[in-house]
Amino acid sequence: MSSADKTAKLYYGPSNFRVLRPGSHVLCAVTGVPIPLAELRYWSAERQEAYASCEIATRRLLGIDPA
């Protein structure tokens, strides 16, 4: 399995992220949907979580069930 098929491990900072383990994507913390690193725009540095969309991120941070 190449790194292009693997889930990356990231450290999420307030304005950027750092790759700790190479991979092509991360998983949304709420939905489990793969997010290609080139498309990753929403995350929580405090929770160290990635989100697939701004709606999912907002609902998670407000404690609203995104389902």
Protein backbone atom coordinates (compact mmCIF):
# COMPACT_ATOMS: atom_id res chain seq x y z
CA MET A 1 0.00 0.00 0.00
CA SER A 2 1.50 3.33 -1.05
CA SER A 3 1.12 6.55 0.93
CA ALA A 4 -1.34 7.63 -1.76
CA ASP A 5 -3.79 5.04 -0.38
CA LYS A 6 -3.16 5.65 3.33
CA THR A 7 -4.80 7.90 5.86
CA ALA A 8 -2.41 10.67 6.85
CA LYS A 9 -1.79 11.66 10.45
CA LEU A 10 -1.72 15.41 10.97
CA TYR A 11 -1.05 17.91 13.74
CA TYR A 12 -3.68 20.65 13.41
CA GLY A 13 -2.53 24.16 14.27
CA PRO A 14 -4.67 27.30 14.43
CA SER A 15 -4.01 28.29 10.81
CA ASN A 16 -2.27 25.30 9.20
CA PHE A 17 -1.49 21.65 9.72
CA ARG A 18 1.68 19.59 9.79
CA VAL A 19 1.95 16.09 8.33
CA LEU A 20 3.16 13.61 10.95
CA ARG A 21 2.57 10.50 8.81
CA PRO A 22 2.24 10.78 5.02
CA GLY A 23 -0.96 9.81 3.31
CA SER A 24 -3.44 11.05 0.74
CA HIS A 25 -6.33 11.91 3.04
CA VAL A 26 -7.71 12.24 6.56
CA LEU A 27 -11.11 11.15 7.82
CA CYS A 28 -13.84 13.55 8.90
CA ALA A 29 -14.18 13.23 12.69
CA VAL A 30 -17.97 13.32 12.44
CA THR A 31 -18.91 11.46 9.26
CA GLY A 32 -15.84 9.30 8.61
CA VAL A 33 -15.74 10.53 5.00
CA PRO A 34 -12.22 10.67 3.49
CA ILE A 35 -10.99 14.23 2.89
CA PRO A 36 -8.10 14.60 0.39
CA LEU A 37 -5.36 16.71 1.96
CA ALA A 38 -5.54 19.17 -0.95
CA GLU A 39 -9.21 19.79 -0.06
CA LEU A 40 -8.86 19.97 3.74
CA ARG A 41 -10.13 23.38 4.87
CA TYR A 42 -11.86 22.81 8.22
CA TRP A 43 -10.40 21.46 11.46
CA SER A 44 -10.18 22.11 15.16
CA ALA A 45 -6.71 22.69 16.59
CA GLU A 46 -8.14 22.31 20.10
CA ARG A 47 -9.81 18.96 19.38
CA GLN A 48 -7.25 17.82 16.76
CA GLU A 49 -10.08 16.84 14.39
CA ALA A 50 -10.76 17.36 10.69
CA TYR A 51 -14.19 18.14 9.21
CA ALA A 52 -15.51 17.57 5.70
CA SER A 53 -17.41 20.89 5.47
CA CYS A 54 -17.95 24.18 7.24
CA GLU A 55 -21.48 23.07 8.18
CA ILE A 56 -20.17 19.92 9.86
CA ALA A 57 -17.43 21.87 11.66
CA THR A 58 -19.88 24.49 12.92
CA ARG A 59 -22.39 21.93 14.16
CA ARG A 60 -19.62 19.93 15.90
CA LEU A 61 -18.18 22.99 17.60
CA LEU A 62 -21.67 24.06 18.75
CA GLY A 63 -22.39 20.57 20.03
CA ILE A 64 -25.27 20.01 17.62
CA ASP A 65 -25.72 16.48 16.26
CA PRO A 66 -24.79 16.80 12.56
CA ALA A 67 -26.87 13.78 11.52
